[in-house]
Protein backbone atom coordinates (compact mmCIF):
# COMPACT_ATOMS: atom_id res chain seq x y z
CA MET A 1 36.31 -8.66 3.97
CA PHE A 2 33.48 -6.61 2.52
CA ASN A 3 30.27 -6.85 4.52
CA GLU A 4 27.13 -6.44 2.38
CA THR A 5 24.91 -6.00 5.43
CA LYS A 6 26.82 -2.98 6.66
CA ILE A 7 24.99 0.33 6.29
CA GLU A 8 26.28 2.31 3.33
CA LYS A 9 24.12 5.41 3.75
CA LYS A 10 21.89 6.82 6.49
CA ILE A 11 18.36 7.70 5.39
CA ASP A 12 16.38 10.62 6.80
CA ILE A 13 13.51 9.24 8.93
CA LYS A 14 10.91 11.58 7.44
CA GLU A 15 12.05 10.61 3.93
CA PHE A 16 11.78 6.91 4.83
CA LEU A 17 8.30 7.35 6.33
CA ASP A 18 7.12 9.32 3.29
CA PHE A 19 8.36 6.51 1.06
CA ILE A 20 6.70 3.79 3.19
CA ASN A 21 3.39 5.70 3.24
CA ASP A 22 3.08 5.18 -0.52
CA TYR A 23 2.51 1.44 0.11
CA LYS A 24 -0.69 -0.21 1.25
CA GLU A 25 -0.48 -2.86 3.97
CA GLU A 26 -1.27 -5.59 1.42
CA GLN A 27 1.86 -4.55 -0.51
CA ILE A 28 4.00 -5.55 2.48
CA GLU A 29 4.89 -9.23 2.66
CA CYS A 30 7.00 -11.58 4.70
CA THR A 31 9.40 -13.96 3.02
CA GLU A 32 10.33 -17.52 3.93
CA HIS A 33 13.45 -16.04 5.47
CA THR A 34 11.61 -13.55 7.72
CA PHE A 35 11.06 -15.86 10.70
CA PHE A 36 13.99 -18.26 10.36
CA ARG A 37 15.72 -16.95 13.51
CA LEU A 38 12.68 -17.51 15.73
CA SER A 39 11.45 -20.32 17.94
CA GLU A 40 7.88 -21.60 17.56
CA LYS A 41 6.85 -19.59 20.63
CA GLN A 42 8.31 -16.39 19.15
CA ARG A 43 6.55 -17.07 15.82
CA LYS A 44 3.21 -16.93 17.61
CA ILE A 45 4.07 -13.54 19.11
CA TYR A 46 5.77 -11.89 16.12
CA THR A 47 3.49 -12.48 13.18
CA CYS A 48 3.71 -11.00 9.72
CA ASN A 49 0.74 -8.75 10.55
CA LYS A 50 2.48 -7.44 13.66
CA LEU A 51 5.61 -6.62 11.64
CA LYS A 52 3.49 -4.87 9.00
CA ARG A 53 1.88 -2.75 11.73
CA ILE A 54 5.27 -1.82 13.15
CA ILE A 55 6.52 -0.75 9.72
CA THR A 56 3.39 1.25 8.88
CA LYS A 57 2.51 2.70 12.31
CA GLU A 58 5.72 3.06 14.32
CA LYS A 59 8.41 5.67 13.81
CA PRO A 60 11.95 4.30 13.46
CA PHE A 61 14.82 6.03 15.23
CA LEU A 62 17.34 5.06 12.53
CA ALA A 63 17.20 3.89 8.92
CA GLY A 64 19.86 3.19 6.35
CA ILE A 65 20.60 1.44 3.09
CA GLN A 66 22.96 -1.50 3.33
CA TYR A 67 25.57 -2.31 0.69
CA ASN A 68 23.31 -5.17 -0.49
CA LYS A 69 20.59 -2.52 -1.18
CA ASN A 70 18.27 -3.73 1.60
CA TYR A 71 17.12 -1.22 4.17
CA ALA A 72 17.97 -1.65 7.85
CA VAL A 73 15.31 0.06 9.96
CA PHE A 74 15.59 0.40 13.74
CA TYR A 75 12.67 0.84 16.11
CA LYS A 76 12.22 1.16 19.86
CA TYR A 77 9.60 -1.51 20.43
CA LYS A 78 8.40 -2.46 23.91
CA ASN A 79 11.55 -0.98 25.46
CA ARG A 80 13.81 -3.01 23.17
CA ASN A 81 15.74 -2.23 20.00
CA LEU A 82 14.17 -3.92 17.00
CA LYS A 83 16.05 -4.14 13.71
CA ILE A 84 13.97 -4.95 10.62
CA ILE A 85 15.61 -5.61 7.26
CA VAL A 86 13.37 -4.79 4.30
CA ASN A 87 13.73 -4.94 0.56
CA LEU A 88 11.85 -2.18 -1.24
CA ASP A 89 10.86 -2.06 -4.88
CA ASN A 90 8.23 -0.12 -6.80
CA THR A 91 5.42 -2.54 -5.97
CA LYS A 92 6.25 -4.26 -2.67
CA ILE A 93 8.02 -4.12 0.65
CA LYS A 94 9.48 -7.50 1.53
CA ILE A 95 10.41 -8.11 5.16
CA VAL A 96 13.67 -10.03 4.84
CA THR A 97 14.25 -10.63 8.55
CA PHE A 98 14.12 -8.96 11.94
CA TYR A 99 15.66 -9.37 15.35
CA PHE A 100 16.14 -7.61 18.65
CA ILE A 101 19.55 -6.09 19.24
CA GLU A 102 21.43 -4.68 22.18
CA GLU A 103 22.20 -0.97 22.50
CA TRP A 104 25.86 -1.52 21.54
CA GLN A 105 24.77 -3.20 18.27
CA ILE A 106 23.10 -0.05 16.95
CA PRO A 107 25.30 1.27 14.14
CA LYS A 108 27.02 4.61 14.62
CA ILE A 109 26.27 6.29 11.31
């Protein structure tokens, strides 16, 4: 079975950051899907603004384009591995979803 969420191509971190820097924070938005995995308690901790700050201020350790053309971006955040899925177009960055993953779940690409 073909998995659309599998990473097709690794992206250079500097290249990704250069691309992200072209967007203003107001051009980054959360979707209805962004928080669907979270409990109410988690939704109070991980807000859209916090995710925007992570994307614009933190440096990922891995980034890649998935077969479905979304970007999977991995950060070390508070001693945990955070995976954020974003959809990029010429005008906006949409945060599709995010979740914390274990070390063994980090793709080997």
